[in-house]
Each structure stands twice: as structure tokens, then as C-alpha cells.
Amino acid sequence: MVGFGTKYPTQVHHRAASIVSIKKDAAPVSCKGGFDSWFNNSPNPNVLDGAIVGGPDENDAYTDSRSIYQMAEPATVSTAPLKFFCV
């Protein structure tokens, strides 16, 4: 789960999380300009607190890289069981 614990995913496969917030830098980001942020290896400037990413592979290995969407993409499918218990 992103944002919890001492070691959580920092390169979530999420466009808005990988581009600097307008609150930090008011310069407009063009459609093509966002790729500079997307393809670098630094942590996302915006943390998606509470997001649950795809997770580790069959060998329990996790690579924190937004380019590996199977591991790093957040989805509502993976959060459905948690929402069930919150009701």
C-alpha cells in the first residue's frame, strides 16, 4: 500500500502522480512534456496515499518501476476486498 510503512512503492504507474503538481510548479505541462517525468527513475513527486499496486510476481519479487505496469499500476480491483470490510 502506497504511503504506509517505511518501504512502499515510490514509482506508481499513474500519470498524475508522476508529473509535478501545479501547486509546486505553475508552469504548464504539455502532453508531450509529461513524458520527461514519466520516463525518469526518480520517485513520483505526488504520493498516492492508500493506493494498492499490482504487487509482487510469482517469486514474491517486486521491482519499483513505473514502466512495469503489471506490478506498479494501482487498480480498484485490488482495493475491492478492503472496501467490503469498511462497510
C-alpha atoms as a PDB file:
ATOM      1  CA  MET A   1       0.000   0.000   0.000  1.00  0.00           C
ATOM      2  CA  VAL A   2       1.452   3.325  -1.074  1.00  0.00           C
ATOM      3  CA  GLY A   3       2.344   5.807   1.649  1.00  0.00           C
ATOM      4  CA  PHE A   4       2.308   3.380   4.569  1.00  0.00           C
ATOM      5  CA  GLY A   5       5.257   1.812   6.344  1.00  0.00           C
ATOM      6  CA  THR A   6       8.913   2.539   5.797  1.00  0.00           C
ATOM      7  CA  LYS A   7       9.275   0.929   2.373  1.00  0.00           C
ATOM      8  CA  TYR A   8       6.434   1.389  -0.096  1.00  0.00           C
ATOM      9  CA  PRO A   9       6.218   1.786  -3.900  1.00  0.00           C
ATOM     10  CA  THR A  10       7.509   5.205  -4.977  1.00  0.00           C
ATOM     11  CA  GLN A  11       7.142   4.865  -8.759  1.00  0.00           C
ATOM     12  CA  VAL A  12       3.453   4.103  -9.130  1.00  0.00           C
ATOM     13  CA  HIS A  13       2.292   3.696 -12.750  1.00  0.00           C
ATOM     14  CA  HIS A  14      -0.027   6.726 -12.638  1.00  0.00           C
ATOM     15  CA  ARG A  15       0.334   9.752 -14.913  1.00  0.00           C
ATOM     16  CA  ALA A  16      -0.886  12.382 -12.447  1.00  0.00           C
ATOM     17  CA  ALA A  17       1.382  11.067  -9.700  1.00  0.00           C
ATOM     18  CA  SER A  18       4.464  11.180 -11.928  1.00  0.00           C
ATOM     19  CA  ILE A  19       4.088  14.834 -13.019  1.00  0.00           C
ATOM     20  CA  VAL A  20       4.924  17.754 -10.718  1.00  0.00           C
ATOM     21  CA  SER A  21       1.825  19.287  -9.162  1.00  0.00           C
ATOM     22  CA  ILE A  22       0.715  22.731 -10.337  1.00  0.00           C
ATOM     23  CA  LYS A  23       0.879  23.738  -6.653  1.00  0.00           C
ATOM     24  CA  LYS A  24       4.653  23.175  -6.709  1.00  0.00           C
ATOM     25  CA  ASP A  25       5.370  24.410 -10.239  1.00  0.00           C
ATOM     26  CA  ALA A  26       2.803  26.571 -12.043  1.00  0.00           C
ATOM     27  CA  ALA A  27       4.460  26.090 -15.435  1.00  0.00           C
ATOM     28  CA  PRO A  28       2.105  24.298 -17.835  1.00  0.00           C
ATOM     29  CA  VAL A  29       2.967  20.727 -18.805  1.00  0.00           C
ATOM     30  CA  SER A  30       2.165  19.794 -22.376  1.00  0.00           C
ATOM     31  CA  CYS A  31       1.002  16.336 -23.374  1.00  0.00           C
ATOM     32  CA  LYS A  32       4.474  15.502 -24.668  1.00  0.00           C
ATOM     33  CA  GLY A  33       6.192  17.289 -21.773  1.00  0.00           C
ATOM     34  CA  GLY A  34       4.847  14.808 -19.247  1.00  0.00           C
ATOM     35  CA  PHE A  35       6.976  12.054 -20.734  1.00  0.00           C
ATOM     36  CA  ASP A  36      10.126  13.618 -19.228  1.00  0.00           C
ATOM     37  CA  SER A  37       8.722  12.925 -15.780  1.00  0.00           C
ATOM     38  CA  TRP A  38       7.255   9.579 -16.775  1.00  0.00           C
ATOM     39  CA  PHE A  39      10.472   8.045 -18.114  1.00  0.00           C
ATOM     40  CA  ASN A  40      12.884   9.109 -15.372  1.00  0.00           C
ATOM     41  CA  ASN A  41      13.856   6.836 -12.493  1.00  0.00           C
ATOM     42  CA  SER A  42      13.126   9.181  -9.608  1.00  0.00           C
ATOM     43  CA  PRO A  43      10.212   8.710  -7.201  1.00  0.00           C
ATOM     44  CA  ASN A  44       6.874  10.235  -8.147  1.00  0.00           C
ATOM     45  CA  PRO A  45       6.542  13.841  -6.940  1.00  0.00           C
ATOM     46  CA  ASN A  46       2.952  13.110  -5.836  1.00  0.00           C
ATOM     47  CA  VAL A  47       2.372  10.221  -3.436  1.00  0.00           C
ATOM     48  CA  LEU A  48      -0.866   8.291  -3.971  1.00  0.00           C
ATOM     49  CA  ASP A  49      -1.514   7.568  -0.298  1.00  0.00           C
ATOM     50  CA  GLY A  50      -3.575   4.418   0.114  1.00  0.00           C
ATOM     51  CA  ALA A  51      -3.216   3.164  -3.452  1.00  0.00           C
ATOM     52  CA  ILE A  52      -2.683  -0.562  -3.797  1.00  0.00           C
ATOM     53  CA  VAL A  53      -0.478  -1.561  -6.708  1.00  0.00           C
ATOM     54  CA  GLY A  54      -0.376  -4.851  -8.620  1.00  0.00           C
ATOM     55  CA  GLY A  55       2.236  -6.287  -6.288  1.00  0.00           C
ATOM     56  CA  PRO A  56       4.989  -8.884  -6.488  1.00  0.00           C
ATOM     57  CA  ASP A  57       5.435 -11.586  -9.101  1.00  0.00           C
ATOM     58  CA  GLU A  58       5.089 -15.348  -8.604  1.00  0.00           C
ATOM     59  CA  ASN A  59       8.511 -15.430  -6.880  1.00  0.00           C
ATOM     60  CA  ASP A  60       7.484 -12.694  -4.406  1.00  0.00           C
ATOM     61  CA  ALA A  61       9.855 -10.200  -6.083  1.00  0.00           C
ATOM     62  CA  TYR A  62       8.798  -6.589  -6.600  1.00  0.00           C
ATOM     63  CA  THR A  63      10.529  -4.090  -8.878  1.00  0.00           C
ATOM     64  CA  ASP A  64       9.614  -0.494  -8.052  1.00  0.00           C
ATOM     65  CA  SER A  65       9.452   0.871 -11.600  1.00  0.00           C
ATOM     66  CA  ARG A  66       6.528   2.676 -13.214  1.00  0.00           C
ATOM     67  CA  SER A  67       7.461   1.089 -16.552  1.00  0.00           C
ATOM     68  CA  ILE A  68       6.401  -2.338 -15.226  1.00  0.00           C
ATOM     69  CA  TYR A  69       2.690  -1.623 -15.056  1.00  0.00           C
ATOM     70  CA  GLN A  70       1.804  -5.181 -14.010  1.00  0.00           C
ATOM     71  CA  MET A  71       3.488  -4.521 -10.657  1.00  0.00           C
ATOM     72  CA  ALA A  72       3.189  -0.751 -10.281  1.00  0.00           C
ATOM     73  CA  GLU A  73      -0.304   0.138 -11.524  1.00  0.00           C
ATOM     74  CA  PRO A  74      -2.987   0.923  -8.937  1.00  0.00           C
ATOM     75  CA  ALA A  75      -6.424  -0.514  -9.634  1.00  0.00           C
ATOM     76  CA  THR A  76      -9.824  -0.559  -7.987  1.00  0.00           C
ATOM     77  CA  VAL A  77      -9.951  -4.331  -8.461  1.00  0.00           C
ATOM     78  CA  SER A  78      -7.275  -4.810  -5.804  1.00  0.00           C
ATOM     79  CA  THR A  79      -8.984  -2.476  -3.318  1.00  0.00           C
ATOM     80  CA  ALA A  80     -12.471  -4.014  -3.546  1.00  0.00           C
ATOM     81  CA  PRO A  81     -11.910  -6.507  -0.688  1.00  0.00           C
ATOM     82  CA  LEU A  82     -10.748  -3.690   1.611  1.00  0.00           C
ATOM     83  CA  LYS A  83     -13.797  -1.593   0.820  1.00  0.00           C
ATOM     84  CA  PHE A  84     -16.029  -4.547   1.664  1.00  0.00           C
ATOM     85  CA  PHE A  85     -14.625  -4.695   5.198  1.00  0.00           C
ATOM     86  CA  CYS A  86     -15.005  -0.934   5.698  1.00  0.00           C
ATOM     87  CA  VAL A  87     -18.764  -1.021   5.166  1.00  0.00           C
END
